[in-house]
Amino acid sequence: MERKLLDDTNILVRLDPDDEICAALMQVASEEHIELAKVQGLGAVKRVVMGVYNVTTQQYKANTVEGVFEMLSLTGTLDTMNEAPYSHLHIVIGDEQGHAYGGHLNEAVVSATAEIVITKLPGKIDREKSAETGLNVWKF
């Protein structure tokens, strides 16, 4: 992983083969003291664990795929929970036949490269667990 600070707001992150996206973004968030940011990215991945949340059961169903995939979209936020870095990321990937798959991102291993833009936002937001949904939601 390499990164470049463009200015006080924007950070470019390049991930290389075998880098794991979530771990890399948590490392950047910690080292750069990010308290609130949005994330956008694209690239190529070879292993992805993504899920869909069932509000009724308050559980994620994780789906793992391995193979040749384009990362069509990575989007989400970086913020904090209990003052520690926290990420909420979603991913859409496409296979060699043009089929797309997506969900809440738990893990993604880069096959070739990933280009990610982190845009810091003014302010800070922390999260708390919602009793109603079971999700870690923004605490205003």
C-alpha atoms as a PDB file:
ATOM      1  CA  MET A   1       0.000   0.000   0.000  1.00  0.00           C
ATOM      2  CA  GLU A   2       1.087   3.502  -0.787  1.00  0.00           C
ATOM      3  CA  ARG A   3      -0.703   6.773  -0.195  1.00  0.00           C
ATOM      4  CA  LYS A   4      -0.361  10.397  -1.148  1.00  0.00           C
ATOM      5  CA  LEU A   5      -1.812  13.348   0.713  1.00  0.00           C
ATOM      6  CA  LEU A   6      -3.025  15.737  -1.973  1.00  0.00           C
ATOM      7  CA  ASP A   7      -4.057  18.443   0.487  1.00  0.00           C
ATOM      8  CA  ASP A   8      -5.693  18.715   3.908  1.00  0.00           C
ATOM      9  CA  THR A   9      -8.816  16.975   2.598  1.00  0.00           C
ATOM     10  CA  ASN A  10      -7.902  14.337   0.007  1.00  0.00           C
ATOM     11  CA  ILE A  11      -5.825  11.192   0.343  1.00  0.00           C
ATOM     12  CA  LEU A  12      -5.088   8.857  -2.578  1.00  0.00           C
ATOM     13  CA  VAL A  13      -4.461   5.225  -1.651  1.00  0.00           C
ATOM     14  CA  ARG A  14      -3.004   2.637  -4.018  1.00  0.00           C
ATOM     15  CA  LEU A  15      -3.302  -0.972  -2.973  1.00  0.00           C
ATOM     16  CA  ASP A  16      -1.184  -3.704  -4.487  1.00  0.00           C
ATOM     17  CA  PRO A  17      -1.660  -7.460  -5.019  1.00  0.00           C
ATOM     18  CA  ASP A  18      -2.649  -9.318  -1.829  1.00  0.00           C
ATOM     19  CA  ASP A  19      -3.427  -6.116   0.114  1.00  0.00           C
ATOM     20  CA  GLU A  20      -6.717  -6.359   1.997  1.00  0.00           C
ATOM     21  CA  ILE A  21      -8.920  -3.292   1.510  1.00  0.00           C
ATOM     22  CA  CYS A  22     -10.629  -3.029   4.916  1.00  0.00           C
ATOM     23  CA  ALA A  23      -7.401  -3.484   6.882  1.00  0.00           C
ATOM     24  CA  ALA A  24      -5.587  -0.959   4.690  1.00  0.00           C
ATOM     25  CA  LEU A  25      -8.311   1.672   5.138  1.00  0.00           C
ATOM     26  CA  MET A  26      -8.363   1.142   8.912  1.00  0.00           C
ATOM     27  CA  GLN A  27      -4.575   1.629   8.934  1.00  0.00           C
ATOM     28  CA  VAL A  28      -4.861   4.895   6.991  1.00  0.00           C
ATOM     29  CA  ALA A  29      -7.725   6.095   9.205  1.00  0.00           C
ATOM     30  CA  SER A  30      -5.676   5.423  12.314  1.00  0.00           C
ATOM     31  CA  GLU A  31      -2.404   6.907  11.048  1.00  0.00           C
ATOM     32  CA  GLU A  32      -4.071   9.978   9.545  1.00  0.00           C
ATOM     33  CA  HIS A  33      -6.398  10.500  12.543  1.00  0.00           C
ATOM     34  CA  ILE A  34      -9.498  10.456  10.343  1.00  0.00           C
ATOM     35  CA  GLU A  35     -12.681  11.149  12.292  1.00  0.00           C
ATOM     36  CA  LEU A  36     -15.037  11.542   9.335  1.00  0.00           C
ATOM     37  CA  ALA A  37     -14.497  10.839   5.625  1.00  0.00           C
ATOM     38  CA  LYS A  38     -16.099   9.414   2.532  1.00  0.00           C
ATOM     39  CA  VAL A  39     -14.473   6.666   0.477  1.00  0.00           C
ATOM     40  CA  GLN A  40     -14.635   5.891  -3.243  1.00  0.00           C
ATOM     41  CA  GLY A  41     -12.660   3.297  -5.132  1.00  0.00           C
ATOM     42  CA  LEU A  42     -12.224   0.858  -7.986  1.00  0.00           C
ATOM     43  CA  GLY A  43      -9.770  -1.816  -9.025  1.00  0.00           C
ATOM     44  CA  ALA A  44      -9.456  -5.584  -9.241  1.00  0.00           C
ATOM     45  CA  VAL A  45     -10.017  -8.173  -6.524  1.00  0.00           C
ATOM     46  CA  LYS A  46      -9.652 -11.938  -6.209  1.00  0.00           C
ATOM     47  CA  ARG A  47     -11.441 -12.714  -2.947  1.00  0.00           C
ATOM     48  CA  VAL A  48     -14.383 -10.843  -1.457  1.00  0.00           C
ATOM     49  CA  VAL A  49     -16.488 -11.439   1.630  1.00  0.00           C
ATOM     50  CA  MET A  50     -19.635  -9.318   1.471  1.00  0.00           C
ATOM     51  CA  GLY A  51     -22.935  -9.532   3.208  1.00  0.00           C
ATOM     52  CA  VAL A  52     -26.546  -8.544   3.331  1.00  0.00           C
ATOM     53  CA  TYR A  53     -28.124  -7.535   6.648  1.00  0.00           C
ATOM     54  CA  ASN A  54     -31.441  -8.999   7.740  1.00  0.00           C
ATOM     55  CA  VAL A  55     -33.071  -6.459  10.064  1.00  0.00           C
ATOM     56  CA  THR A  56     -35.604  -8.999  11.390  1.00  0.00           C
ATOM     57  CA  THR A  57     -32.956 -11.458  12.595  1.00  0.00           C
ATOM     58  CA  GLN A  58     -30.332  -8.722  13.106  1.00  0.00           C
ATOM     59  CA  GLN A  59     -27.725 -10.863  11.371  1.00  0.00           C
ATOM     60  CA  TYR A  60     -25.533 -10.602   8.295  1.00  0.00           C
ATOM     61  CA  LYS A  61     -25.475 -13.332   5.694  1.00  0.00           C
ATOM     62  CA  ALA A  62     -21.925 -13.390   4.430  1.00  0.00           C
ATOM     63  CA  ASN A  63     -21.153 -14.453   0.878  1.00  0.00           C
ATOM     64  CA  THR A  64     -17.592 -15.301  -0.149  1.00  0.00           C
ATOM     65  CA  VAL A  65     -16.520 -15.270  -3.782  1.00  0.00           C
ATOM     66  CA  GLU A  66     -13.127 -16.057  -5.261  1.00  0.00           C
ATOM     67  CA  GLY A  67     -11.945 -15.595  -8.828  1.00  0.00           C
ATOM     68  CA  VAL A  68     -11.336 -12.818 -11.321  1.00  0.00           C
ATOM     69  CA  PHE A  69     -13.361  -9.698 -10.508  1.00  0.00           C
ATOM     70  CA  GLU A  70     -13.357  -6.032 -11.354  1.00  0.00           C
ATOM     71  CA  MET A  71     -14.181  -3.831  -8.387  1.00  0.00           C
ATOM     72  CA  LEU A  72     -16.830  -1.709 -10.081  1.00  0.00           C
ATOM     73  CA  SER A  73     -17.509   0.441  -7.033  1.00  0.00           C
ATOM     74  CA  LEU A  74     -16.291   0.816  -3.489  1.00  0.00           C
ATOM     75  CA  THR A  75     -18.157   3.405  -1.482  1.00  0.00           C
ATOM     76  CA  GLY A  76     -18.644   4.208   2.162  1.00  0.00           C
ATOM     77  CA  THR A  77     -17.580   6.164   5.196  1.00  0.00           C
ATOM     78  CA  LEU A  78     -14.795   6.254   7.724  1.00  0.00           C
ATOM     79  CA  ASP A  79     -15.662   7.578  11.149  1.00  0.00           C
ATOM     80  CA  THR A  80     -15.342   6.380  14.754  1.00  0.00           C
ATOM     81  CA  MET A  81     -17.058   4.166  17.279  1.00  0.00           C
ATOM     82  CA  ASN A  82     -16.057   4.517  20.921  1.00  0.00           C
ATOM     83  CA  GLU A  83     -13.335   6.889  19.696  1.00  0.00           C
ATOM     84  CA  ALA A  84     -11.692   4.159  17.557  1.00  0.00           C
ATOM     85  CA  PRO A  85     -11.560   4.114  13.728  1.00  0.00           C
ATOM     86  CA  TYR A  86     -14.626   2.528  12.126  1.00  0.00           C
ATOM     87  CA  SER A  87     -15.519   1.808   8.499  1.00  0.00           C
ATOM     88  CA  HIS A  88     -18.842   1.244   6.777  1.00  0.00           C
ATOM     89  CA  LEU A  89     -18.149   0.107   3.219  1.00  0.00           C
ATOM     90  CA  HIS A  90     -20.176  -1.374   0.375  1.00  0.00           C
ATOM     91  CA  ILE A  91     -18.769  -2.999  -2.743  1.00  0.00           C
ATOM     92  CA  VAL A  92     -19.978  -4.003  -6.201  1.00  0.00           C
ATOM     93  CA  ILE A  93     -17.856  -6.414  -8.218  1.00  0.00           C
ATOM     94  CA  GLY A  94     -18.219  -7.801 -11.725  1.00  0.00           C
ATOM     95  CA  ASP A  95     -17.141 -11.189 -13.064  1.00  0.00           C
ATOM     96  CA  GLU A  96     -15.822 -12.196 -16.490  1.00  0.00           C
ATOM     97  CA  GLN A  97     -19.361 -12.711 -17.804  1.00  0.00           C
ATOM     98  CA  GLY A  98     -20.447  -9.229 -16.738  1.00  0.00           C
ATOM     99  CA  HIS A  99     -22.517 -10.350 -13.758  1.00  0.00           C
ATOM    100  CA  ALA A 100     -22.449  -7.970 -10.800  1.00  0.00           C
ATOM    101  CA  TYR A 101     -22.489  -8.854  -7.107  1.00  0.00           C
ATOM    102  CA  GLY A 102     -22.536  -6.531  -4.157  1.00  0.00           C
ATOM    103  CA  GLY A 103     -23.094  -5.981  -0.498  1.00  0.00           C
ATOM    104  CA  HIS A 104     -21.645  -4.765   2.770  1.00  0.00           C
ATOM    105  CA  LEU A 105     -17.876  -5.264   2.588  1.00  0.00           C
ATOM    106  CA  ASN A 106     -16.219  -7.448   5.215  1.00  0.00           C
ATOM    107  CA  GLU A 107     -13.026  -8.300   3.343  1.00  0.00           C
ATOM    108  CA  ALA A 108     -11.561  -7.868  -0.133  1.00  0.00           C
ATOM    109  CA  VAL A 109      -8.154  -9.019  -1.326  1.00  0.00           C
ATOM    110  CA  VAL A 110      -6.656  -7.099  -4.246  1.00  0.00           C
ATOM    111  CA  SER A 111      -5.551  -9.082  -7.306  1.00  0.00           C
ATOM    112  CA  ALA A 112      -3.869  -6.329  -9.346  1.00  0.00           C
ATOM    113  CA  THR A 113      -4.462  -2.876  -7.872  1.00  0.00           C
ATOM    114  CA  ALA A 114      -7.060  -0.726  -6.199  1.00  0.00           C
ATOM    115  CA  GLU A 115      -7.300   3.050  -6.431  1.00  0.00           C
ATOM    116  CA  ILE A 116      -9.110   4.607  -3.485  1.00  0.00           C
ATOM    117  CA  VAL A 117      -9.872   8.242  -2.739  1.00  0.00           C
ATOM    118  CA  ILE A 118     -10.504   9.240   0.861  1.00  0.00           C
ATOM    119  CA  THR A 119     -12.081  12.672   1.257  1.00  0.00           C
ATOM    120  CA  LYS A 120     -11.994  14.006   4.792  1.00  0.00           C
ATOM    121  CA  LEU A 121     -15.147  15.796   5.888  1.00  0.00           C
ATOM    122  CA  PRO A 122     -15.280  18.577   8.461  1.00  0.00           C
ATOM    123  CA  GLY A 123     -16.265  17.530  11.951  1.00  0.00           C
ATOM    124  CA  LYS A 124     -16.462  14.221  13.711  1.00  0.00           C
ATOM    125  CA  ILE A 125     -19.112  11.545  14.090  1.00  0.00           C
ATOM    126  CA  ASP A 126     -19.187   8.581  16.438  1.00  0.00           C
ATOM    127  CA  ARG A 127     -21.399   5.487  16.236  1.00  0.00           C
ATOM    128  CA  GLU A 128     -23.603   3.638  18.670  1.00  0.00           C
ATOM    129  CA  LYS A 129     -25.493   0.364  18.447  1.00  0.00           C
ATOM    130  CA  SER A 130     -29.174   0.792  17.635  1.00  0.00           C
ATOM    131  CA  ALA A 131     -31.454  -1.329  19.836  1.00  0.00           C
ATOM    132  CA  GLU A 132     -34.088  -1.220  17.081  1.00  0.00           C
ATOM    133  CA  THR A 133     -31.969  -2.461  14.171  1.00  0.00           C
ATOM    134  CA  GLY A 134     -28.879  -3.957  15.815  1.00  0.00           C
ATOM    135  CA  LEU A 135     -26.687  -1.830  13.543  1.00  0.00           C
ATOM    136  CA  ASN A 136     -23.938   0.587  14.537  1.00  0.00           C
ATOM    137  CA  VAL A 137     -25.490   3.886  13.463  1.00  0.00           C
ATOM    138  CA  TRP A 138     -24.295   7.474  13.492  1.00  0.00           C
ATOM    139  CA  LYS A 139     -24.773   9.142  16.873  1.00  0.00           C
ATOM    140  CA  PHE A 140     -25.849  12.769  16.435  1.00  0.00           C
END
